[in-house]
């Protein structure tokens, strides 16, 4: 079974719930660094000749259409990360639908292709968003990867569903891909993205990823462009959060190279088509 690599395409200031995070009205005046990290990610992927899924913020896609075009040209999948990087459980169902549709339309206008995948900011699918999947179906998405089956600062749900599963029995086939976790000392932990991927030693990550595969589940890895740009500006935040946000930034690129060397990795769309046997999901 193949693993899945996903990239949440946002900039260095898109960190949730920290005192120093700027408001959307301030974003235009900040230095853009997203292209620095994106170039490094695309270069590493080009060497491996493997495909990934890029979840673009609609706001980023509007301002960096060249990045959307480059990702598409390289053969990767383009998916939606919403428009303004807002937590789903802080939005009304109508606000969430409007935000998701706005991003989807921007990306489809830029690519000329359907955008089927979605990931909520901060993996903010929770018990407080019972309407979440209904709204994504209404928007025309075919799969989601927002379920984090463990405790975390944003989102997180204590559920037993860890493998990809069909959400609905409607005429439209819709899949949820939970973020991969493993049990360590009786507690579900994610070692496969963000600060977790940067903090833990690669040998442990590789061993735990193999454990997930041995259980018949794909490993869903996730990274951000800012993690490939150690020189990006820093936001003011509490010490513990600062450690999690900025620990081992210089290790991310080498870890991605190792993952692409040790595992067969693909995009969500290709996994659905090849591993799950679904030719069409909408």
C-alpha atoms as a PDB file:
ATOM      1  CA  UNK A   1       0.000   0.000   0.000  1.00  0.00           C
ATOM      2  CA  UNK A   2       1.225   3.481  -0.885  1.00  0.00           C
ATOM      3  CA  UNK A   3       1.488   6.460   1.455  1.00  0.00           C
ATOM      4  CA  UNK A   4       0.008   9.897   0.748  1.00  0.00           C
ATOM      5  CA  UNK A   5       1.884  13.193   0.858  1.00  0.00           C
ATOM      6  CA  UNK A   6      -0.055  16.419   1.367  1.00  0.00           C
ATOM      7  CA  UNK A   7       1.128  20.023   1.438  1.00  0.00           C
ATOM      8  CA  UNK A   8      -0.969  22.713   3.136  1.00  0.00           C
ATOM      9  CA  UNK A   9      -0.111  25.748   1.013  1.00  0.00           C
ATOM     10  CA  UNK A  10      -0.141  28.741   3.346  1.00  0.00           C
ATOM     11  CA  UNK A  11       2.414  31.365   4.376  1.00  0.00           C
ATOM     12  CA  UNK A  12       4.498  31.886   7.521  1.00  0.00           C
ATOM     13  CA  UNK A  13       1.885  34.051   9.256  1.00  0.00           C
ATOM     14  CA  UNK A  14      -0.947  31.529   8.857  1.00  0.00           C
ATOM     15  CA  UNK A  15      -0.455  30.043  12.309  1.00  0.00           C
ATOM     16  CA  UNK A  16      -3.677  29.666  14.270  1.00  0.00           C
ATOM     17  CA  UNK A  17      -4.519  31.100  17.678  1.00  0.00           C
ATOM     18  CA  UNK A  18      -1.338  32.924  18.601  1.00  0.00           C
ATOM     19  CA  UNK A  19      -1.303  36.511  19.938  1.00  0.00           C
ATOM     20  CA  UNK A  20       1.085  37.734  17.268  1.00  0.00           C
ATOM     21  CA  UNK A  21      -0.865  36.371  14.309  1.00  0.00           C
ATOM     22  CA  UNK A  22      -1.968  39.183  11.955  1.00  0.00           C
ATOM     23  CA  UNK A  23      -5.560  39.675  10.876  1.00  0.00           C
ATOM     24  CA  UNK A  24      -6.467  38.930   7.231  1.00  0.00           C
ATOM     25  CA  UNK A  25      -6.706  42.666   6.626  1.00  0.00           C
ATOM     26  CA  UNK A  26      -2.969  42.888   7.394  1.00  0.00           C
ATOM     27  CA  UNK A  27      -1.770  40.012   5.212  1.00  0.00           C
ATOM     28  CA  UNK A  28      -1.225  42.085   2.076  1.00  0.00           C
ATOM     29  CA  UNK A  29       1.407  44.189   3.815  1.00  0.00           C
ATOM     30  CA  UNK A  30       3.511  41.250   5.019  1.00  0.00           C
ATOM     31  CA  UNK A  31       6.499  39.769   3.176  1.00  0.00           C
ATOM     32  CA  UNK A  32       5.456  36.756   1.130  1.00  0.00           C
ATOM     33  CA  UNK A  33       7.649  33.686   1.680  1.00  0.00           C
ATOM     34  CA  UNK A  34       5.405  30.884   0.427  1.00  0.00           C
ATOM     35  CA  UNK A  35       7.235  30.577  -2.886  1.00  0.00           C
ATOM     36  CA  UNK A  36      10.566  29.881  -1.128  1.00  0.00           C
ATOM     37  CA  UNK A  37       9.289  26.755   0.589  1.00  0.00           C
ATOM     38  CA  UNK A  38       7.201  25.652  -2.354  1.00  0.00           C
ATOM     39  CA  UNK A  39      10.188  25.667  -4.700  1.00  0.00           C
ATOM     40  CA  UNK A  40      12.097  23.378  -2.352  1.00  0.00           C
ATOM     41  CA  UNK A  41       9.178  20.969  -2.019  1.00  0.00           C
ATOM     42  CA  UNK A  42       8.682  20.793  -5.772  1.00  0.00           C
ATOM     43  CA  UNK A  43      12.403  20.236  -6.341  1.00  0.00           C
ATOM     44  CA  UNK A  44      12.499  17.301  -3.910  1.00  0.00           C
ATOM     45  CA  UNK A  45       9.391  15.782  -5.478  1.00  0.00           C
ATOM     46  CA  UNK A  46      10.821  16.195  -8.976  1.00  0.00           C
ATOM     47  CA  UNK A  47      13.852  14.109  -8.054  1.00  0.00           C
ATOM     48  CA  UNK A  48      11.659  11.323  -6.663  1.00  0.00           C
ATOM     49  CA  UNK A  49       9.150  11.501  -9.535  1.00  0.00           C
ATOM     50  CA  UNK A  50       6.321  11.003  -7.044  1.00  0.00           C
ATOM     51  CA  UNK A  51       3.071  12.917  -6.839  1.00  0.00           C
ATOM     52  CA  UNK A  52       1.510  14.784  -3.925  1.00  0.00           C
ATOM     53  CA  UNK A  53      -1.652  16.720  -3.091  1.00  0.00           C
ATOM     54  CA  UNK A  54      -1.352  20.477  -2.528  1.00  0.00           C
ATOM     55  CA  UNK A  55      -4.134  21.973  -0.393  1.00  0.00           C
ATOM     56  CA  UNK A  56      -4.095  25.646  -1.425  1.00  0.00           C
ATOM     57  CA  UNK A  57      -5.589  28.449   0.598  1.00  0.00           C
ATOM     58  CA  UNK A  58      -7.750  30.336  -1.863  1.00  0.00           C
ATOM     59  CA  UNK A  59      -6.231  33.599  -0.628  1.00  0.00           C
ATOM     60  CA  UNK A  60      -2.751  32.322  -1.518  1.00  0.00           C
ATOM     61  CA  UNK A  61      -3.886  30.999  -4.895  1.00  0.00           C
ATOM     62  CA  UNK A  62      -5.306  34.409  -5.848  1.00  0.00           C
ATOM     63  CA  UNK A  63      -2.004  36.120  -5.121  1.00  0.00           C
ATOM     64  CA  UNK A  64       0.324  33.412  -6.399  1.00  0.00           C
ATOM     65  CA  UNK A  65      -1.400  31.924  -9.460  1.00  0.00           C
ATOM     66  CA  UNK A  66       2.049  31.047 -10.783  1.00  0.00           C
ATOM     67  CA  UNK A  67       2.415  28.539  -7.938  1.00  0.00           C
ATOM     68  CA  UNK A  68      -0.890  26.886  -8.814  1.00  0.00           C
ATOM     69  CA  UNK A  69       0.216  26.665 -12.444  1.00  0.00           C
ATOM     70  CA  UNK A  70       3.611  25.207 -11.475  1.00  0.00           C
ATOM     71  CA  UNK A  71       2.080  22.555  -9.237  1.00  0.00           C
ATOM     72  CA  UNK A  72      -0.323  21.611 -12.002  1.00  0.00           C
ATOM     73  CA  UNK A  73       2.457  21.538 -14.600  1.00  0.00           C
ATOM     74  CA  UNK A  74       4.450  19.152 -12.403  1.00  0.00           C
ATOM     75  CA  UNK A  75       1.530  16.715 -12.344  1.00  0.00           C
ATOM     76  CA  UNK A  76       0.479  17.084  -8.721  1.00  0.00           C
ATOM     77  CA  UNK A  77      -3.062  17.258  -7.415  1.00  0.00           C
ATOM     78  CA  UNK A  78      -4.537  20.622  -6.432  1.00  0.00           C
ATOM     79  CA  UNK A  79      -7.064  20.681  -3.603  1.00  0.00           C
ATOM     80  CA  UNK A  80      -8.665  23.262  -1.300  1.00  0.00           C
ATOM     81  CA  UNK A  81      -7.617  24.425   2.165  1.00  0.00           C
ATOM     82  CA  UNK A  82     -10.479  26.916   2.359  1.00  0.00           C
ATOM     83  CA  UNK A  83     -10.096  30.589   1.563  1.00  0.00           C
ATOM     84  CA  UNK A  84      -9.126  32.470   4.755  1.00  0.00           C
ATOM     85  CA  UNK A  85      -7.628  29.820   7.049  1.00  0.00           C
ATOM     86  CA  UNK A  86     -10.418  29.943   9.601  1.00  0.00           C
ATOM     87  CA  UNK A  87     -11.302  27.159  12.026  1.00  0.00           C
ATOM     88  CA  UNK A  88     -14.437  25.326  10.900  1.00  0.00           C
ATOM     89  CA  UNK A  89     -15.921  25.131  14.397  1.00  0.00           C
ATOM     90  CA  UNK A  90     -15.813  28.940  14.677  1.00  0.00           C
ATOM     91  CA  UNK A  91     -17.880  29.350  11.523  1.00  0.00           C
ATOM     92  CA  UNK A  92     -21.564  28.898  10.882  1.00  0.00           C
ATOM     93  CA  UNK A  93     -22.496  26.227   8.336  1.00  0.00           C
ATOM     94  CA  UNK A  94     -23.293  28.994   5.848  1.00  0.00           C
ATOM     95  CA  UNK A  95     -19.978  30.772   6.419  1.00  0.00           C
ATOM     96  CA  UNK A  96     -18.094  27.503   6.039  1.00  0.00           C
ATOM     97  CA  UNK A  97     -19.874  26.681   2.779  1.00  0.00           C
ATOM     98  CA  UNK A  98     -19.218  30.153   1.370  1.00  0.00           C
ATOM     99  CA  UNK A  99     -15.519  29.971   2.300  1.00  0.00           C
ATOM    100  CA  UNK A 100     -15.093  26.480   0.824  1.00  0.00           C
ATOM    101  CA  UNK A 101     -16.911  27.389  -2.379  1.00  0.00           C
ATOM    102  CA  UNK A 102     -14.894  30.564  -2.816  1.00  0.00           C
ATOM    103  CA  UNK A 103     -11.615  28.673  -2.653  1.00  0.00           C
ATOM    104  CA  UNK A 104     -12.890  25.903  -4.905  1.00  0.00           C
ATOM    105  CA  UNK A 105     -14.003  28.336  -7.606  1.00  0.00           C
ATOM    106  CA  UNK A 106     -10.693  30.215  -7.544  1.00  0.00           C
ATOM    107  CA  UNK A 107      -8.693  27.015  -7.936  1.00  0.00           C
ATOM    108  CA  UNK A 108     -10.944  25.627 -10.663  1.00  0.00           C
ATOM    109  CA  UNK A 109     -10.773  28.902 -12.588  1.00  0.00           C
ATOM    110  CA  UNK A 110      -6.970  28.798 -12.394  1.00  0.00           C
ATOM    111  CA  UNK A 111      -6.575  25.127 -13.330  1.00  0.00           C
ATOM    112  CA  UNK A 112      -9.545  24.487 -15.590  1.00  0.00           C
ATOM    113  CA  UNK A 113     -10.054  21.219 -13.703  1.00  0.00           C
ATOM    114  CA  UNK A 114     -12.406  20.000 -10.940  1.00  0.00           C
ATOM    115  CA  UNK A 115     -11.090  20.405  -7.403  1.00  0.00           C
ATOM    116  CA  UNK A 116     -12.252  17.388  -5.408  1.00  0.00           C
ATOM    117  CA  UNK A 117     -10.258  17.457  -2.160  1.00  0.00           C
ATOM    118  CA  UNK A 118     -10.635  19.569   0.957  1.00  0.00           C
ATOM    119  CA  UNK A 119      -8.784  20.030   4.237  1.00  0.00           C
ATOM    120  CA  UNK A 120     -10.046  22.307   7.000  1.00  0.00           C
ATOM    121  CA  UNK A 121      -7.624  24.715   8.634  1.00  0.00           C
ATOM    122  CA  UNK A 122      -6.171  23.250  11.818  1.00  0.00           C
ATOM    123  CA  UNK A 123      -7.915  19.908  11.144  1.00  0.00           C
ATOM    124  CA  UNK A 124     -10.932  21.624  12.715  1.00  0.00           C
ATOM    125  CA  UNK A 125     -13.495  18.898  12.087  1.00  0.00           C
ATOM    126  CA  UNK A 126     -14.977  18.291  15.566  1.00  0.00           C
ATOM    127  CA  UNK A 127     -18.177  17.254  17.323  1.00  0.00           C
ATOM    128  CA  UNK A 128     -19.158  20.930  17.033  1.00  0.00           C
ATOM    129  CA  UNK A 129     -19.391  20.670  13.210  1.00  0.00           C
ATOM    130  CA  UNK A 130     -22.054  17.963  12.569  1.00  0.00           C
ATOM    131  CA  UNK A 131     -22.871  19.717   9.278  1.00  0.00           C
ATOM    132  CA  UNK A 132     -19.284  19.502   7.997  1.00  0.00           C
ATOM    133  CA  UNK A 133     -19.607  16.677   5.449  1.00  0.00           C
ATOM    134  CA  UNK A 134     -23.046  17.801   4.255  1.00  0.00           C
ATOM    135  CA  UNK A 135     -21.621  21.196   3.355  1.00  0.00           C
ATOM    136  CA  UNK A 136     -18.646  19.699   1.536  1.00  0.00           C
ATOM    137  CA  UNK A 137     -20.991  17.498  -0.471  1.00  0.00           C
ATOM    138  CA  UNK A 138     -23.133  20.542  -1.237  1.00  0.00           C
ATOM    139  CA  UNK A 139     -20.004  22.338  -2.467  1.00  0.00           C
ATOM    140  CA  UNK A 140     -19.166  19.436  -4.800  1.00  0.00           C
ATOM    141  CA  UNK A 141     -16.113  17.964  -3.088  1.00  0.00           C
ATOM    142  CA  UNK A 142     -15.309  14.256  -3.334  1.00  0.00           C
ATOM    143  CA  UNK A 143     -13.067  13.677  -0.337  1.00  0.00           C
ATOM    144  CA  UNK A 144     -11.762  15.319   2.808  1.00  0.00           C
ATOM    145  CA  UNK A 145      -8.741  14.957   5.090  1.00  0.00           C
ATOM    146  CA  UNK A 146      -9.631  16.999   8.182  1.00  0.00           C
ATOM    147  CA  UNK A 147     -10.228  14.320  10.807  1.00  0.00           C
ATOM    148  CA  UNK A 148      -7.479  14.199  13.416  1.00  0.00           C
ATOM    149  CA  UNK A 149      -8.269  11.107  15.543  1.00  0.00           C
ATOM    150  CA  UNK A 150      -6.384  12.266  18.644  1.00  0.00           C
ATOM    151  CA  UNK A 151      -6.273  15.226  21.011  1.00  0.00           C
ATOM    152  CA  UNK A 152      -4.706  18.423  19.678  1.00  0.00           C
ATOM    153  CA  UNK A 153      -4.932  22.162  20.120  1.00  0.00           C
ATOM    154  CA  UNK A 154      -7.222  22.658  17.123  1.00  0.00           C
ATOM    155  CA  UNK A 155      -9.806  20.098  16.211  1.00  0.00           C
ATOM    156  CA  UNK A 156      -9.139  16.536  17.205  1.00  0.00           C
ATOM    157  CA  UNK A 157     -11.780  13.874  17.819  1.00  0.00           C
ATOM    158  CA  UNK A 158     -11.645  10.789  19.990  1.00  0.00           C
ATOM    159  CA  UNK A 159     -12.806   8.298  17.375  1.00  0.00           C
ATOM    160  CA  UNK A 160     -11.766   4.781  16.403  1.00  0.00           C
ATOM    161  CA  UNK A 161     -11.856   5.420  12.646  1.00  0.00           C
ATOM    162  CA  UNK A 162      -8.276   5.551  11.418  1.00  0.00           C
ATOM    163  CA  UNK A 163      -8.453   4.097   7.896  1.00  0.00           C
ATOM    164  CA  UNK A 164     -10.028   5.904   4.916  1.00  0.00           C
ATOM    165  CA  UNK A 165     -13.787   5.377   4.873  1.00  0.00           C
ATOM    166  CA  UNK A 166     -16.878   6.344   2.917  1.00  0.00           C
ATOM    167  CA  UNK A 167     -18.822   9.063   4.673  1.00  0.00           C
ATOM    168  CA  UNK A 168     -22.108   8.773   2.822  1.00  0.00           C
ATOM    169  CA  UNK A 169     -24.167   6.247   0.906  1.00  0.00           C
ATOM    170  CA  UNK A 170     -25.583   8.951  -1.359  1.00  0.00           C
ATOM    171  CA  UNK A 171     -25.144   8.713  -5.153  1.00  0.00           C
ATOM    172  CA  UNK A 172     -21.947  10.720  -4.700  1.00  0.00           C
ATOM    173  CA  UNK A 173     -19.033   8.754  -3.306  1.00  0.00           C
ATOM    174  CA  UNK A 174     -17.304  10.775  -0.578  1.00  0.00           C
ATOM    175  CA  UNK A 175     -14.236   9.626   1.364  1.00  0.00           C
ATOM    176  CA  UNK A 176     -12.696  10.801   4.614  1.00  0.00           C
ATOM    177  CA  UNK A 177      -8.949  10.297   5.093  1.00  0.00           C
ATOM    178  CA  UNK A 178      -8.095  10.622   8.794  1.00  0.00           C
ATOM    179  CA  UNK A 179      -4.658  11.941   9.661  1.00  0.00           C
ATOM    180  CA  UNK A 180      -2.456   8.974  10.571  1.00  0.00           C
ATOM    181  CA  UNK A 181      -1.842   8.234  14.238  1.00  0.00           C
ATOM    182  CA  UNK A 182      -0.141   5.372  16.098  1.00  0.00           C
ATOM    183  CA  UNK A 183      -0.522   4.220  19.674  1.00  0.00           C
ATOM    184  CA  UNK A 184       2.519   4.970  21.810  1.00  0.00           C
ATOM    185  CA  UNK A 185       2.261   4.062  25.502  1.00  0.00           C
ATOM    186  CA  UNK A 186      -1.480   3.667  25.020  1.00  0.00           C
ATOM    187  CA  UNK A 187      -1.964   7.143  23.575  1.00  0.00           C
ATOM    188  CA  UNK A 188      -2.674   7.967  19.900  1.00  0.00           C
ATOM    189  CA  UNK A 189       0.030  10.238  18.502  1.00  0.00           C
ATOM    190  CA  UNK A 190       0.815  11.655  15.090  1.00  0.00           C
ATOM    191  CA  UNK A 191       4.446  11.550  14.023  1.00  0.00           C
ATOM    192  CA  UNK A 192       3.796  12.226  10.369  1.00  0.00           C
ATOM    193  CA  UNK A 193       3.373  15.970   9.920  1.00  0.00           C
ATOM    194  CA  UNK A 194       4.019  19.455  11.223  1.00  0.00           C
ATOM    195  CA  UNK A 195       5.943  19.772  14.469  1.00  0.00           C
ATOM    196  CA  UNK A 196       5.640  16.035  15.089  1.00  0.00           C
ATOM    197  CA  UNK A 197       7.513  15.203  11.900  1.00  0.00           C
ATOM    198  CA  UNK A 198      10.213  17.750  12.691  1.00  0.00           C
ATOM    199  CA  UNK A 199      10.620  16.820  16.358  1.00  0.00           C
ATOM    200  CA  UNK A 200      10.891  13.027  16.304  1.00  0.00           C
ATOM    201  CA  UNK A 201      13.957  11.191  14.938  1.00  0.00           C
ATOM    202  CA  UNK A 202      13.564   9.845  11.432  1.00  0.00           C
ATOM    203  CA  UNK A 203      14.201   6.217  12.433  1.00  0.00           C
ATOM    204  CA  UNK A 204      11.194   6.329  14.755  1.00  0.00           C
ATOM    205  CA  UNK A 205       9.026   7.990  12.112  1.00  0.00           C
ATOM    206  CA  UNK A 206       9.987   5.325   9.563  1.00  0.00           C
ATOM    207  CA  UNK A 207       9.277   2.477  11.982  1.00  0.00           C
ATOM    208  CA  UNK A 208       5.909   3.892  13.036  1.00  0.00           C
ATOM    209  CA  UNK A 209       4.956   4.550   9.409  1.00  0.00           C
ATOM    210  CA  UNK A 210       5.667   0.921   8.607  1.00  0.00           C
ATOM    211  CA  UNK A 211       3.449  -0.094  11.531  1.00  0.00           C
ATOM    212  CA  UNK A 212       0.596   1.920  10.024  1.00  0.00           C
ATOM    213  CA  UNK A 213       1.114   0.255   6.647  1.00  0.00           C
ATOM    214  CA  UNK A 214       1.218  -3.175   8.291  1.00  0.00           C
ATOM    215  CA  UNK A 215      -2.230  -2.441   9.720  1.00  0.00           C
ATOM    216  CA  UNK A 216      -3.540  -1.915   6.184  1.00  0.00           C
ATOM    217  CA  UNK A 217      -3.752   1.875   6.393  1.00  0.00           C
ATOM    218  CA  UNK A 218      -1.988   4.455   4.214  1.00  0.00           C
ATOM    219  CA  UNK A 219       0.224   6.924   6.047  1.00  0.00           C
ATOM    220  CA  UNK A 220      -0.989  10.469   5.467  1.00  0.00           C
ATOM    221  CA  UNK A 221       2.017  12.786   5.707  1.00  0.00           C
ATOM    222  CA  UNK A 222       1.523  16.554   5.802  1.00  0.00           C
ATOM    223  CA  UNK A 223       3.929  19.491   5.543  1.00  0.00           C
ATOM    224  CA  UNK A 224       3.806  23.271   5.067  1.00  0.00           C
ATOM    225  CA  UNK A 225       5.987  25.493   2.839  1.00  0.00           C
ATOM    226  CA  UNK A 226       7.218  27.484   5.853  1.00  0.00           C
ATOM    227  CA  UNK A 227       8.825  24.293   7.215  1.00  0.00           C
ATOM    228  CA  UNK A 228      11.171  24.305   4.207  1.00  0.00           C
ATOM    229  CA  UNK A 229      12.139  27.942   4.763  1.00  0.00           C
ATOM    230  CA  UNK A 230      14.073  28.211   8.045  1.00  0.00           C
ATOM    231  CA  UNK A 231      14.769  31.911   7.423  1.00  0.00           C
ATOM    232  CA  UNK A 232      11.117  32.973   7.394  1.00  0.00           C
ATOM    233  CA  UNK A 233       9.979  35.620   9.909  1.00  0.00           C
ATOM    234  CA  UNK A 234       8.726  34.509  13.324  1.00  0.00           C
ATOM    235  CA  UNK A 235       5.477  35.363  15.072  1.00  0.00           C
ATOM    236  CA  UNK A 236       5.283  36.314  18.737  1.00  0.00           C
ATOM    237  CA  UNK A 237       3.842  33.420  20.756  1.00  0.00           C
ATOM    238  CA  UNK A 238       4.202  31.571  24.084  1.00  0.00           C
ATOM    239  CA  UNK A 239       7.373  29.544  24.530  1.00  0.00           C
ATOM    240  CA  UNK A 240       5.752  26.100  24.237  1.00  0.00           C
ATOM    241  CA  UNK A 241       3.925  27.069  21.068  1.00  0.00           C
ATOM    242  CA  UNK A 242       7.062  28.648  19.663  1.00  0.00           C
ATOM    243  CA  UNK A 243       8.951  25.411  20.201  1.00  0.00           C
ATOM    244  CA  UNK A 244       6.268  23.394  18.417  1.00  0.00           C
ATOM    245  CA  UNK A 245       6.042  25.862  15.530  1.00  0.00           C
ATOM    246  CA  UNK A 246       9.755  26.305  14.887  1.00  0.00           C
ATOM    247  CA  UNK A 247      11.584  23.247  16.229  1.00  0.00           C
ATOM    248  CA  UNK A 248      13.987  21.551  13.769  1.00  0.00           C
ATOM    249  CA  UNK A 249      12.929  23.513  10.702  1.00  0.00           C
ATOM    250  CA  UNK A 250      16.234  22.658   9.067  1.00  0.00           C
ATOM    251  CA  UNK A 251      15.405  18.940   9.255  1.00  0.00           C
ATOM    252  CA  UNK A 252      12.226  18.991   7.163  1.00  0.00           C
ATOM    253  CA  UNK A 253      13.775  18.860   3.732  1.00  0.00           C
ATOM    254  CA  UNK A 254      16.073  15.927   4.533  1.00  0.00           C
ATOM    255  CA  UNK A 255      13.215  14.045   6.198  1.00  0.00           C
ATOM    256  CA  UNK A 256      11.051  14.493   3.127  1.00  0.00           C
ATOM    257  CA  UNK A 257      13.856  13.159   0.941  1.00  0.00           C
ATOM    258  CA  UNK A 258      14.157  10.121   3.217  1.00  0.00           C
ATOM    259  CA  UNK A 259      10.410   9.480   3.143  1.00  0.00           C
ATOM    260  CA  UNK A 260      10.348   9.628  -0.636  1.00  0.00           C
ATOM    261  CA  UNK A 261      13.280   7.209  -0.732  1.00  0.00           C
ATOM    262  CA  UNK A 262      11.881   4.721   1.794  1.00  0.00           C
ATOM    263  CA  UNK A 263       8.185   4.699   0.857  1.00  0.00           C
ATOM    264  CA  UNK A 264       6.054   4.749  -2.266  1.00  0.00           C
ATOM    265  CA  UNK A 265       4.102   7.986  -2.044  1.00  0.00           C
ATOM    266  CA  UNK A 266       1.215   9.375  -4.063  1.00  0.00           C
ATOM    267  CA  UNK A 267      -1.616  11.918  -4.037  1.00  0.00           C
ATOM    268  CA  UNK A 268      -5.086  11.456  -2.564  1.00  0.00           C
ATOM    269  CA  UNK A 269      -6.682  11.391  -6.005  1.00  0.00           C
ATOM    270  CA  UNK A 270      -4.353   8.656  -7.256  1.00  0.00           C
ATOM    271  CA  UNK A 271      -4.808   6.659  -4.061  1.00  0.00           C
ATOM    272  CA  UNK A 272      -8.590   6.769  -4.481  1.00  0.00           C
ATOM    273  CA  UNK A 273      -8.304   5.669  -8.087  1.00  0.00           C
ATOM    274  CA  UNK A 274      -5.646   2.969  -7.708  1.00  0.00           C
ATOM    275  CA  UNK A 275      -5.925   1.671  -4.137  1.00  0.00           C
ATOM    276  CA  UNK A 276      -9.667   2.125  -3.586  1.00  0.00           C
ATOM    277  CA  UNK A 277     -10.700   1.425  -7.172  1.00  0.00           C
ATOM    278  CA  UNK A 278     -12.904   4.493  -7.554  1.00  0.00           C
ATOM    279  CA  UNK A 279     -12.660   5.944 -11.046  1.00  0.00           C
ATOM    280  CA  UNK A 280     -14.902   8.884 -10.159  1.00  0.00           C
ATOM    281  CA  UNK A 281     -15.797  10.305  -6.767  1.00  0.00           C
ATOM    282  CA  UNK A 282     -18.277  12.949  -7.874  1.00  0.00           C
END
